[in-house]
Amino acid sequence: MPISLRLLLSFPNSSDLDKFMEAYCIALNKLKEAMEKPVKETTSFIKDMYAELKRLCVPSNADEPLLCPKQCRRTSCS
């Protein structure tokens, strides 16, 4: 007998099943949020690094930026 069917049969009435499903959904939402947090932090860090690199690649008074790689100079850091 599949586990899901055993779970359904183990609940005496639908209100117990509803409570279980609600608790299960809450747990899944918390897990989803916990898994998304590091991804959001990483994405934010990468965006900040791109912005910093772009800032470093913009020439101030010099003809060419000193801290910009050759590839970046050719494509104007965009």
Protein backbone atom coordinates (compact mmCIF):
# COMPACT_ATOMS: atom_id res chain seq x y z
CA MET A 1 0.00 0.00 0.00
CA PRO A 2 1.46 3.42 -0.96
CA ILE A 3 2.43 5.76 1.85
CA SER A 4 -0.04 8.44 0.74
CA LEU A 5 -2.93 5.96 0.89
CA ARG A 6 -1.83 4.77 4.33
CA LEU A 7 -1.75 8.40 5.49
CA LEU A 8 -5.25 9.00 4.18
CA LEU A 9 -6.57 5.89 5.89
CA SER A 10 -4.84 6.72 9.16
CA PHE A 11 -6.80 9.97 9.60
CA PRO A 12 -10.18 9.25 11.20
CA ASN A 13 -11.94 12.27 9.71
CA SER A 14 -11.36 14.98 7.15
CA SER A 15 -10.72 17.69 9.73
CA ASP A 16 -7.60 15.84 10.91
CA LEU A 17 -6.48 15.49 7.31
CA ASP A 18 -7.12 19.21 6.73
CA LYS A 19 -4.99 20.07 9.77
CA PHE A 20 -2.22 17.79 8.56
CA MET A 21 -2.31 19.27 5.04
CA GLU A 22 -2.27 22.81 6.41
CA ALA A 23 0.74 22.04 8.62
CA TYR A 24 2.44 20.32 5.68
CA CYS A 25 1.87 23.35 3.42
CA ILE A 26 3.23 25.69 6.09
CA ALA A 27 6.33 23.51 6.45
CA LEU A 28 6.83 23.44 2.67
CA ASN A 29 6.50 27.23 2.46
CA LYS A 30 9.08 27.69 5.21
CA LEU A 31 11.42 25.29 3.42
CA LYS A 32 10.92 27.17 0.14
CA GLU A 33 11.72 30.50 1.82
CA ALA A 34 14.80 29.01 3.48
CA MET A 35 16.02 27.70 0.12
CA GLU A 36 15.33 30.97 -1.71
CA LYS A 37 17.16 33.18 0.81
CA PRO A 38 20.73 32.12 -0.16
CA VAL A 39 19.86 32.45 -3.85
CA LYS A 40 18.56 36.00 -3.32
CA GLU A 41 21.65 36.91 -1.29
CA THR A 42 23.95 35.49 -3.96
CA THR A 43 22.09 37.28 -6.75
CA SER A 44 22.32 40.55 -4.84
CA PHE A 45 26.05 40.06 -4.25
CA ILE A 46 26.68 39.33 -7.95
CA LYS A 47 24.68 42.40 -9.02
CA ASP A 48 26.68 44.54 -6.60
CA MET A 49 29.95 43.14 -7.98
CA TYR A 50 28.86 43.88 -11.56
CA ALA A 51 27.98 47.44 -10.54
CA GLU A 52 31.37 47.85 -8.84
CA LEU A 53 33.21 46.48 -11.88
CA LYS A 54 31.24 48.79 -14.15
CA ARG A 55 32.15 51.73 -11.92
CA LEU A 56 35.83 50.77 -12.06
CA CYS A 57 35.70 50.46 -15.85
CA VAL A 58 34.38 53.98 -16.41
CA PRO A 59 37.27 56.32 -17.22
CA SER A 60 37.50 59.43 -15.11
CA ASN A 61 40.07 61.75 -16.72
CA ALA A 62 42.27 59.11 -18.30
CA ASP A 63 42.03 57.95 -21.89
CA GLU A 64 41.41 54.38 -20.77
CA PRO A 65 40.49 52.94 -17.40
CA LEU A 66 43.46 51.32 -15.70
CA LEU A 67 41.55 48.63 -13.86
CA CYS A 68 39.51 47.42 -16.79
CA PRO A 69 40.48 44.26 -18.69
CA LYS A 70 41.09 44.46 -22.46
CA GLN A 71 37.80 42.73 -23.24
CA CYS A 72 35.95 45.28 -21.16
CA ARG A 73 37.64 48.18 -22.96
CA ARG A 74 36.55 46.84 -26.34
CA THR A 75 32.94 46.40 -25.28
CA SER A 76 32.85 49.55 -23.13
CA CYS A 77 31.85 47.54 -20.04
CA SER A 78 28.22 47.16 -20.99
